[in-house]
Amino acid sequence: MSKPLYHRWVYSPRTDKVTMSDNKETHPARVRTHGDLAKEIDDSNAIHGYAFRIGGGYRILGYDHKPLTDPFIKRRVEKELTNVK
């Protein structure tokens, strides 16, 4: 099976938890959305975004598809991406 093209992620500043899903985790009709991921961490201040695979790493974007500017959140998402298949 090929690697996912992108990941959806949600970060909780309250708990410092990142949860994510990708475009290959299940059938496209059943893939978890940002809303589903936000329910898993239960934080009204959650930050949402995307991580696209490029070269040997990822391009980390916010929910608006603009580059993520917060270096702390970016490092947390990158750390979580090292734990995915």
PDB file of N, CA and C in Angstrom:
ATOM      1  N   MET A   1       0.843  -1.181   0.000  1.00  0.00           N
ATOM      2  CA  MET A   1       0.000   0.000   0.000  1.00  0.00           C
ATOM      3  C   MET A   1       0.889   1.245   0.000  1.00  0.00           C
ATOM      4  N   SER A   2       0.535   2.223  -0.792  1.00  0.00           N
ATOM      5  CA  SER A   2       1.336   3.437  -0.872  1.00  0.00           C
ATOM      6  C   SER A   2       1.136   4.318   0.361  1.00  0.00           C
ATOM      7  N   LYS A   3       2.094   5.201   0.589  1.00  0.00           N
ATOM      8  CA  LYS A   3       2.015   6.110   1.735  1.00  0.00           C
ATOM      9  C   LYS A   3       0.957   7.172   1.475  1.00  0.00           C
ATOM     10  N   PRO A   4       0.373   7.706   2.551  1.00  0.00           N
ATOM     11  CA  PRO A   4      -0.632   8.757   2.391  1.00  0.00           C
ATOM     12  C   PRO A   4      -0.024  10.002   1.749  1.00  0.00           C
ATOM     13  N   LEU A   5      -0.812  10.684   0.953  1.00  0.00           N
ATOM     14  CA  LEU A   5      -0.390  11.934   0.341  1.00  0.00           C
ATOM     15  C   LEU A   5      -0.418  13.071   1.362  1.00  0.00           C
ATOM     16  N   TYR A   6      -1.397  13.052   2.252  1.00  0.00           N
ATOM     17  CA  TYR A   6      -1.507  14.113   3.249  1.00  0.00           C
ATOM     18  C   TYR A   6      -2.147  13.588   4.527  1.00  0.00           C
ATOM     19  N   HIS A   7      -1.991  14.371   5.582  1.00  0.00           N
ATOM     20  CA  HIS A   7      -2.590  14.086   6.881  1.00  0.00           C
ATOM     21  C   HIS A   7      -3.404  15.300   7.313  1.00  0.00           C
ATOM     22  N   ARG A   8      -4.522  15.059   7.955  1.00  0.00           N
ATOM     23  CA  ARG A   8      -5.259  16.106   8.654  1.00  0.00           C
ATOM     24  C   ARG A   8      -4.816  16.022  10.103  1.00  0.00           C
ATOM     25  N   TRP A   9      -4.573  17.164  10.738  1.00  0.00           N
ATOM     26  CA  TRP A   9      -4.171  17.139  12.145  1.00  0.00           C
ATOM     27  C   TRP A   9      -4.957  18.171  12.938  1.00  0.00           C
ATOM     28  N   VAL A  10      -5.083  17.896  14.236  1.00  0.00           N
ATOM     29  CA  VAL A  10      -5.704  18.822  15.176  1.00  0.00           C
ATOM     30  C   VAL A  10      -4.828  18.839  16.417  1.00  0.00           C
ATOM     31  N   TYR A  11      -4.486  20.049  16.865  1.00  0.00           N
ATOM     32  CA  TYR A  11      -3.621  20.232  18.034  1.00  0.00           C
ATOM     33  C   TYR A  11      -4.405  20.916  19.144  1.00  0.00           C
ATOM     34  N   SER A  12      -4.268  20.388  20.356  1.00  0.00           N
ATOM     35  CA  SER A  12      -4.903  20.985  21.537  1.00  0.00           C
ATOM     36  C   SER A  12      -3.855  21.742  22.341  1.00  0.00           C
ATOM     37  N   PRO A  13      -3.957  23.076  22.412  1.00  0.00           N
ATOM     38  CA  PRO A  13      -3.008  23.815  23.244  1.00  0.00           C
ATOM     39  C   PRO A  13      -3.197  23.525  24.739  1.00  0.00           C
ATOM     40  N   ARG A  14      -4.393  23.122  25.124  1.00  0.00           N
ATOM     41  CA  ARG A  14      -4.671  22.838  26.534  1.00  0.00           C
ATOM     42  C   ARG A  14      -3.961  21.574  27.010  1.00  0.00           C
ATOM     43  N   THR A  15      -3.980  20.524  26.174  1.00  0.00           N
ATOM     44  CA  THR A  15      -3.394  19.244  26.578  1.00  0.00           C
ATOM     45  C   THR A  15      -2.080  18.930  25.876  1.00  0.00           C
ATOM     46  N   ASP A  16      -1.698  19.745  24.889  1.00  0.00           N
ATOM     47  CA  ASP A  16      -0.494  19.528  24.079  1.00  0.00           C
ATOM     48  C   ASP A  16      -0.574  18.202  23.317  1.00  0.00           C
ATOM     49  N   LYS A  17      -1.784  17.815  22.924  1.00  0.00           N
ATOM     50  CA  LYS A  17      -2.009  16.568  22.197  1.00  0.00           C
ATOM     51  C   LYS A  17      -2.273  16.861  20.728  1.00  0.00           C
ATOM     52  N   VAL A  18      -1.719  16.014  19.869  1.00  0.00           N
ATOM     53  CA  VAL A  18      -1.979  16.086  18.439  1.00  0.00           C
ATOM     54  C   VAL A  18      -2.665  14.795  18.038  1.00  0.00           C
ATOM     55  N   THR A  19      -3.747  14.913  17.294  1.00  0.00           N
ATOM     56  CA  THR A  19      -4.402  13.741  16.730  1.00  0.00           C
ATOM     57  C   THR A  19      -4.473  13.938  15.222  1.00  0.00           C
ATOM     58  N   MET A  20      -4.355  12.859  14.478  1.00  0.00           N
ATOM     59  CA  MET A  20      -4.345  13.009  13.023  1.00  0.00           C
ATOM     60  C   MET A  20      -4.962  11.818  12.320  1.00  0.00           C
ATOM     61  N   SER A  21      -5.302  12.067  11.075  1.00  0.00           N
ATOM     62  CA  SER A  21      -5.787  11.031  10.175  1.00  0.00           C
ATOM     63  C   SER A  21      -5.178  11.316   8.811  1.00  0.00           C
ATOM     64  N   ASP A  22      -5.328  10.372   7.894  1.00  0.00           N
ATOM     65  CA  ASP A  22      -4.754  10.592   6.563  1.00  0.00           C
ATOM     66  C   ASP A  22      -5.733  10.171   5.489  1.00  0.00           C
ATOM     67  N   ASN A  23      -5.361  10.430   4.256  1.00  0.00           N
ATOM     68  CA  ASN A  23      -6.254  10.157   3.137  1.00  0.00           C
ATOM     69  C   ASN A  23      -6.325   8.678   2.771  1.00  0.00           C
ATOM     70  N   LYS A  24      -5.542   7.831   3.413  1.00  0.00           N
ATOM     71  CA  LYS A  24      -5.540   6.401   3.089  1.00  0.00           C
ATOM     72  C   LYS A  24      -5.993   5.523   4.252  1.00  0.00           C
ATOM     73  N   GLU A  25      -6.434   6.110   5.359  1.00  0.00           N
ATOM     74  CA  GLU A  25      -6.719   5.306   6.551  1.00  0.00           C
ATOM     75  C   GLU A  25      -7.897   4.357   6.382  1.00  0.00           C
ATOM     76  N   THR A  26      -8.828   4.702   5.534  1.00  0.00           N
ATOM     77  CA  THR A  26     -10.006   3.870   5.321  1.00  0.00           C
ATOM     78  C   THR A  26     -10.653   4.288   4.001  1.00  0.00           C
ATOM     79  N   HIS A  27     -11.804   3.754   3.719  1.00  0.00           N
ATOM     80  CA  HIS A  27     -12.536   4.148   2.519  1.00  0.00           C
ATOM     81  C   HIS A  27     -12.777   5.661   2.561  1.00  0.00           C
ATOM     82  N   PRO A  28     -12.650   6.361   1.433  1.00  0.00           N
ATOM     83  CA  PRO A  28     -12.815   7.823   1.429  1.00  0.00           C
ATOM     84  C   PRO A  28     -14.120   8.322   2.060  1.00  0.00           C
ATOM     85  N   ALA A  29     -15.176   7.552   1.982  1.00  0.00           N
ATOM     86  CA  ALA A  29     -16.450   7.971   2.572  1.00  0.00           C
ATOM     87  C   ALA A  29     -16.441   7.882   4.098  1.00  0.00           C
ATOM     88  N   ARG A  30     -15.467   7.159   4.654  1.00  0.00           N
ATOM     89  CA  ARG A  30     -15.429   6.955   6.109  1.00  0.00           C
ATOM     90  C   ARG A  30     -14.229   7.608   6.787  1.00  0.00           C
ATOM     91  N   VAL A  31     -13.437   8.352   6.043  1.00  0.00           N
ATOM     92  CA  VAL A  31     -12.243   8.962   6.613  1.00  0.00           C
ATOM     93  C   VAL A  31     -12.639  10.008   7.663  1.00  0.00           C
ATOM     94  N   ARG A  32     -11.851  10.105   8.726  1.00  0.00           N
ATOM     95  CA  ARG A  32     -12.143  11.056   9.805  1.00  0.00           C
ATOM     96  C   ARG A  32     -11.852  12.491   9.340  1.00  0.00           C
ATOM     97  N   THR A  33     -12.775  13.388   9.625  1.00  0.00           N
ATOM     98  CA  THR A  33     -12.636  14.797   9.255  1.00  0.00           C
ATOM     99  C   THR A  33     -11.972  15.575  10.393  1.00  0.00           C
ATOM    100  N   HIS A  34     -11.690  16.855  10.143  1.00  0.00           N
ATOM    101  CA  HIS A  34     -11.156  17.703  11.212  1.00  0.00           C
ATOM    102  C   HIS A  34     -12.122  17.751  12.394  1.00  0.00           C
ATOM    103  N   GLY A  35     -13.420  17.790  12.108  1.00  0.00           N
ATOM    104  CA  GLY A  35     -14.420  17.798  13.174  1.00  0.00           C
ATOM    105  C   GLY A  35     -14.364  16.544  14.021  1.00  0.00           C
ATOM    106  N   ASP A  36     -14.192  15.403  13.378  1.00  0.00           N
ATOM    107  CA  ASP A  36     -14.068  14.141  14.115  1.00  0.00           C
ATOM    108  C   ASP A  36     -12.824  14.148  15.003  1.00  0.00           C
ATOM    109  N   LEU A  37     -11.720  14.635  14.456  1.00  0.00           N
ATOM    110  CA  LEU A  37     -10.473  14.678  15.211  1.00  0.00           C
ATOM    111  C   LEU A  37     -10.586  15.635  16.395  1.00  0.00           C
ATOM    112  N   ALA A  38     -11.263  16.771  16.192  1.00  0.00           N
ATOM    113  CA  ALA A  38     -11.432  17.746  17.271  1.00  0.00           C
ATOM    114  C   ALA A  38     -12.242  17.154  18.421  1.00  0.00           C
ATOM    115  N   LYS A  39     -13.231  16.324  18.113  1.00  0.00           N
ATOM    116  CA  LYS A  39     -14.020  15.675  19.166  1.00  0.00           C
ATOM    117  C   LYS A  39     -13.150  14.743  20.005  1.00  0.00           C
ATOM    118  N   GLU A  40     -12.142  14.137  19.386  1.00  0.00           N
ATOM    119  CA  GLU A  40     -11.259  13.216  20.103  1.00  0.00           C
ATOM    120  C   GLU A  40     -10.430  13.927  21.164  1.00  0.00           C
ATOM    121  N   ILE A  41     -10.079  15.200  20.931  1.00  0.00           N
ATOM    122  CA  ILE A  41      -9.249  15.907  21.911  1.00  0.00           C
ATOM    123  C   ILE A  41     -10.057  16.855  22.779  1.00  0.00           C
ATOM    124  N   ASP A  42     -11.318  17.126  22.412  1.00  0.00           N
ATOM    125  CA  ASP A  42     -12.247  17.898  23.233  1.00  0.00           C
ATOM    126  C   ASP A  42     -11.641  19.211  23.739  1.00  0.00           C
ATOM    127  N   ASP A  43     -11.271  20.092  22.819  1.00  0.00           N
ATOM    128  CA  ASP A  43     -10.720  21.398  23.182  1.00  0.00           C
ATOM    129  C   ASP A  43     -11.307  22.432  22.229  1.00  0.00           C
ATOM    130  N   SER A  44     -12.042  23.398  22.767  1.00  0.00           N
ATOM    131  CA  SER A  44     -12.674  24.409  21.917  1.00  0.00           C
ATOM    132  C   SER A  44     -11.651  25.339  21.268  1.00  0.00           C
ATOM    133  N   ASN A  45     -10.425  25.361  21.760  1.00  0.00           N
ATOM    134  CA  ASN A  45      -9.361  26.189  21.182  1.00  0.00           C
ATOM    135  C   ASN A  45      -8.437  25.390  20.266  1.00  0.00           C
ATOM    136  N   ALA A  46      -8.887  24.238  19.811  1.00  0.00           N
ATOM    137  CA  ALA A  46      -8.051  23.376  18.969  1.00  0.00           C
ATOM    138  C   ALA A  46      -7.653  24.089  17.684  1.00  0.00           C
ATOM    139  N   ILE A  47      -6.469  23.760  17.205  1.00  0.00           N
ATOM    140  CA  ILE A  47      -5.921  24.320  15.975  1.00  0.00           C
ATOM    141  C   ILE A  47      -5.875  23.194  14.957  1.00  0.00           C
ATOM    142  N   HIS A  48      -6.387  23.450  13.757  1.00  0.00           N
ATOM    143  CA  HIS A  48      -6.528  22.438  12.716  1.00  0.00           C
ATOM    144  C   HIS A  48      -5.581  22.724  11.568  1.00  0.00           C
ATOM    145  N   GLY A  49      -5.185  21.667  10.855  1.00  0.00           N
ATOM    146  CA  GLY A  49      -4.357  21.881   9.674  1.00  0.00           C
ATOM    147  C   GLY A  49      -4.107  20.620   8.882  1.00  0.00           C
ATOM    148  N   TYR A  50      -3.170  20.745   7.955  1.00  0.00           N
ATOM    149  CA  TYR A  50      -2.811  19.671   7.036  1.00  0.00           C
ATOM    150  C   TYR A  50      -1.301  19.507   7.008  1.00  0.00           C
ATOM    151  N   ALA A  51      -0.848  18.310   6.691  1.00  0.00           N
ATOM    152  CA  ALA A  51       0.574  18.034   6.479  1.00  0.00           C
ATOM    153  C   ALA A  51       0.676  17.256   5.171  1.00  0.00           C
ATOM    154  N   PHE A  52       1.328  17.861   4.184  1.00  0.00           N
ATOM    155  CA  PHE A  52       1.500  17.227   2.879  1.00  0.00           C
ATOM    156  C   PHE A  52       2.907  16.673   2.762  1.00  0.00           C
ATOM    157  N   ARG A  53       3.012  15.463   2.291  1.00  0.00           N
ATOM    158  CA  ARG A  53       4.309  14.816   2.102  1.00  0.00           C
ATOM    159  C   ARG A  53       5.036  15.483   0.930  1.00  0.00           C
ATOM    160  N   ILE A  54       6.277  15.930   1.185  1.00  0.00           N
ATOM    161  CA  ILE A  54       7.123  16.493   0.121  1.00  0.00           C
ATOM    162  C   ILE A  54       8.537  15.973   0.325  1.00  0.00           C
ATOM    163  N   GLY A  55       9.156  15.516  -0.718  1.00  0.00           N
ATOM    164  CA  GLY A  55      10.539  15.048  -0.613  1.00  0.00           C
ATOM    165  C   GLY A  55      10.737  14.132   0.570  1.00  0.00           C
ATOM    166  N   GLY A  56      11.667  14.497   1.443  1.00  0.00           N
ATOM    167  CA  GLY A  56      11.954  13.688   2.624  1.00  0.00           C
ATOM    168  C   GLY A  56      11.244  14.164   3.867  1.00  0.00           C
ATOM    169  N   GLY A  57      10.232  15.021   3.734  1.00  0.00           N
ATOM    170  CA  GLY A  57       9.557  15.550   4.908  1.00  0.00           C
ATOM    171  C   GLY A  57       8.116  15.913   4.619  1.00  0.00           C
ATOM    172  N   TYR A  58       7.652  16.964   5.294  1.00  0.00           N
ATOM    173  CA  TYR A  58       6.260  17.391   5.169  1.00  0.00           C
ATOM    174  C   TYR A  58       6.180  18.908   5.080  1.00  0.00           C
ATOM    175  N   ARG A  59       5.175  19.384   4.390  1.00  0.00           N
ATOM    176  CA  ARG A  59       4.817  20.799   4.416  1.00  0.00           C
ATOM    177  C   ARG A  59       3.637  20.903   5.370  1.00  0.00           C
ATOM    178  N   ILE A  60       3.823  21.638   6.458  1.00  0.00           N
ATOM    179  CA  ILE A  60       2.813  21.780   7.489  1.00  0.00           C
ATOM    180  C   ILE A  60       2.021  23.057   7.218  1.00  0.00           C
ATOM    181  N   LEU A  61       0.713  22.893   7.034  1.00  0.00           N
ATOM    182  CA  LEU A  61      -0.159  24.023   6.724  1.00  0.00           C
ATOM    183  C   LEU A  61      -1.260  24.141   7.759  1.00  0.00           C
ATOM    184  N   GLY A  62      -1.779  25.359   7.914  1.00  0.00           N
ATOM    185  CA  GLY A  62      -2.935  25.578   8.761  1.00  0.00           C
ATOM    186  C   GLY A  62      -4.198  25.162   8.044  1.00  0.00           C
ATOM    187  N   TYR A  63      -5.317  25.293   8.707  1.00  0.00           N
ATOM    188  CA  TYR A  63      -6.609  24.905   8.148  1.00  0.00           C
ATOM    189  C   TYR A  63      -6.937  25.696   6.886  1.00  0.00           C
ATOM    190  N   ASP A  64      -6.388  26.910   6.797  1.00  0.00           N
ATOM    191  CA  ASP A  64      -6.626  27.768   5.642  1.00  0.00           C
ATOM    192  C   ASP A  64      -5.659  27.482   4.487  1.00  0.00           C
ATOM    193  N   HIS A  65      -4.868  26.436   4.612  1.00  0.00           N
ATOM    194  CA  HIS A  65      -3.885  26.004   3.610  1.00  0.00           C
ATOM    195  C   HIS A  65      -2.731  26.986   3.441  1.00  0.00           C
ATOM    196  N   LYS A  66      -2.514  27.844   4.431  1.00  0.00           N
ATOM    197  CA  LYS A  66      -1.365  28.743   4.426  1.00  0.00           C
ATOM    198  C   LYS A  66      -0.306  28.126   5.335  1.00  0.00           C
ATOM    199  N   PRO A  67       0.984  28.413   5.084  1.00  0.00           N
ATOM    200  CA  PRO A  67       2.034  27.830   5.925  1.00  0.00           C
ATOM    201  C   PRO A  67       1.812  28.134   7.412  1.00  0.00           C
ATOM    202  N   LEU A  68       2.009  27.130   8.229  1.00  0.00           N
ATOM    203  CA  LEU A  68       1.868  27.287   9.668  1.00  0.00           C
ATOM    204  C   LEU A  68       3.031  28.127  10.172  1.00  0.00           C
ATOM    205  N   THR A  69       2.744  29.180  10.906  1.00  0.00           N
ATOM    206  CA  THR A  69       3.802  30.094  11.353  1.00  0.00           C
ATOM    207  C   THR A  69       4.240  29.850  12.794  1.00  0.00           C
ATOM    208  N   ASP A  70       3.496  29.105  13.560  1.00  0.00           N
ATOM    209  CA  ASP A  70       3.859  28.842  14.954  1.00  0.00           C
ATOM    210  C   ASP A  70       4.875  27.707  15.010  1.00  0.00           C
ATOM    211  N   PRO A  71       6.140  28.006  15.365  1.00  0.00           N
ATOM    212  CA  PRO A  71       7.169  26.963  15.352  1.00  0.00           C
ATOM    213  C   PRO A  71       6.923  25.850  16.372  1.00  0.00           C
ATOM    214  N   PHE A  72       6.309  26.165  17.506  1.00  0.00           N
ATOM    215  CA  PHE A  72       6.057  25.139  18.515  1.00  0.00           C
ATOM    216  C   PHE A  72       5.051  24.105  17.995  1.00  0.00           C
ATOM    217  N   ILE A  73       3.940  24.587  17.457  1.00  0.00           N
ATOM    218  CA  ILE A  73       2.918  23.664  16.941  1.00  0.00           C
ATOM    219  C   ILE A  73       3.483  22.872  15.775  1.00  0.00           C
ATOM    220  N   LYS A  74       4.256  23.528  14.941  1.00  0.00           N
ATOM    221  CA  LYS A  74       4.868  22.843  13.798  1.00  0.00           C
ATOM    222  C   LYS A  74       5.754  21.678  14.271  1.00  0.00           C
ATOM    223  N   ARG A  75       6.557  21.916  15.308  1.00  0.00           N
ATOM    224  CA  ARG A  75       7.408  20.840  15.846  1.00  0.00           C
ATOM    225  C   ARG A  75       6.572  19.721  16.436  1.00  0.00           C
ATOM    226  N   ARG A  76       5.468  20.060  17.115  1.00  0.00           N
ATOM    227  CA  ARG A  76       4.602  19.028  17.705  1.00  0.00           C
ATOM    228  C   ARG A  76       3.977  18.153  16.616  1.00  0.00           C
ATOM    229  N   VAL A  77       3.527  18.793  15.524  1.00  0.00           N
ATOM    230  CA  VAL A  77       2.926  18.033  14.425  1.00  0.00           C
ATOM    231  C   VAL A  77       3.998  17.169  13.765  1.00  0.00           C
ATOM    232  N   GLU A  78       5.177  17.718  13.535  1.00  0.00           N
ATOM    233  CA  GLU A  78       6.270  16.944  12.932  1.00  0.00           C
ATOM    234  C   GLU A  78       6.636  15.751  13.805  1.00  0.00           C
ATOM    235  N   LYS A  79       6.654  15.959  15.121  1.00  0.00           N
ATOM    236  CA  LYS A  79       6.965  14.858  16.045  1.00  0.00           C
ATOM    237  C   LYS A  79       5.917  13.749  15.920  1.00  0.00           C
ATOM    238  N   GLU A  80       4.656  14.135  15.830  1.00  0.00           N
ATOM    239  CA  GLU A  80       3.585  13.135  15.699  1.00  0.00           C
ATOM    240  C   GLU A  80       3.680  12.412  14.359  1.00  0.00           C
ATOM    241  N   LEU A  81       4.102  13.116  13.322  1.00  0.00           N
ATOM    242  CA  LEU A  81       4.243  12.488  12.004  1.00  0.00           C
ATOM    243  C   LEU A  81       5.330  11.419  12.000  1.00  0.00           C
ATOM    244  N   THR A  82       6.325  11.533  12.861  1.00  0.00           N
ATOM    245  CA  THR A  82       7.364  10.498  12.931  1.00  0.00           C
ATOM    246  C   THR A  82       6.807   9.197  13.518  1.00  0.00           C
ATOM    247  N   ASN A  83       5.664   9.290  14.206  1.00  0.00           N
ATOM    248  CA  ASN A  83       5.045   8.106  14.825  1.00  0.00           C
ATOM    249  C   ASN A  83       4.057   7.404  13.905  1.00  0.00           C
ATOM    250  N   VAL A  84       3.749   8.002  12.747  1.00  0.00           N
ATOM    251  CA  VAL A  84       2.795   7.369  11.825  1.00  0.00           C
ATOM    252  C   VAL A  84       3.540   6.485  10.845  1.00  0.00           C
ATOM    253  N   LYS A  85       2.816   5.540  10.274  1.00  0.00           N
ATOM    254  CA  LYS A  85       3.409   4.585   9.340  1.00  0.00           C
ATOM    255  C   LYS A  85       3.845   5.261   8.070  1.00  0.00           C
TER     256      LYS A  85
END
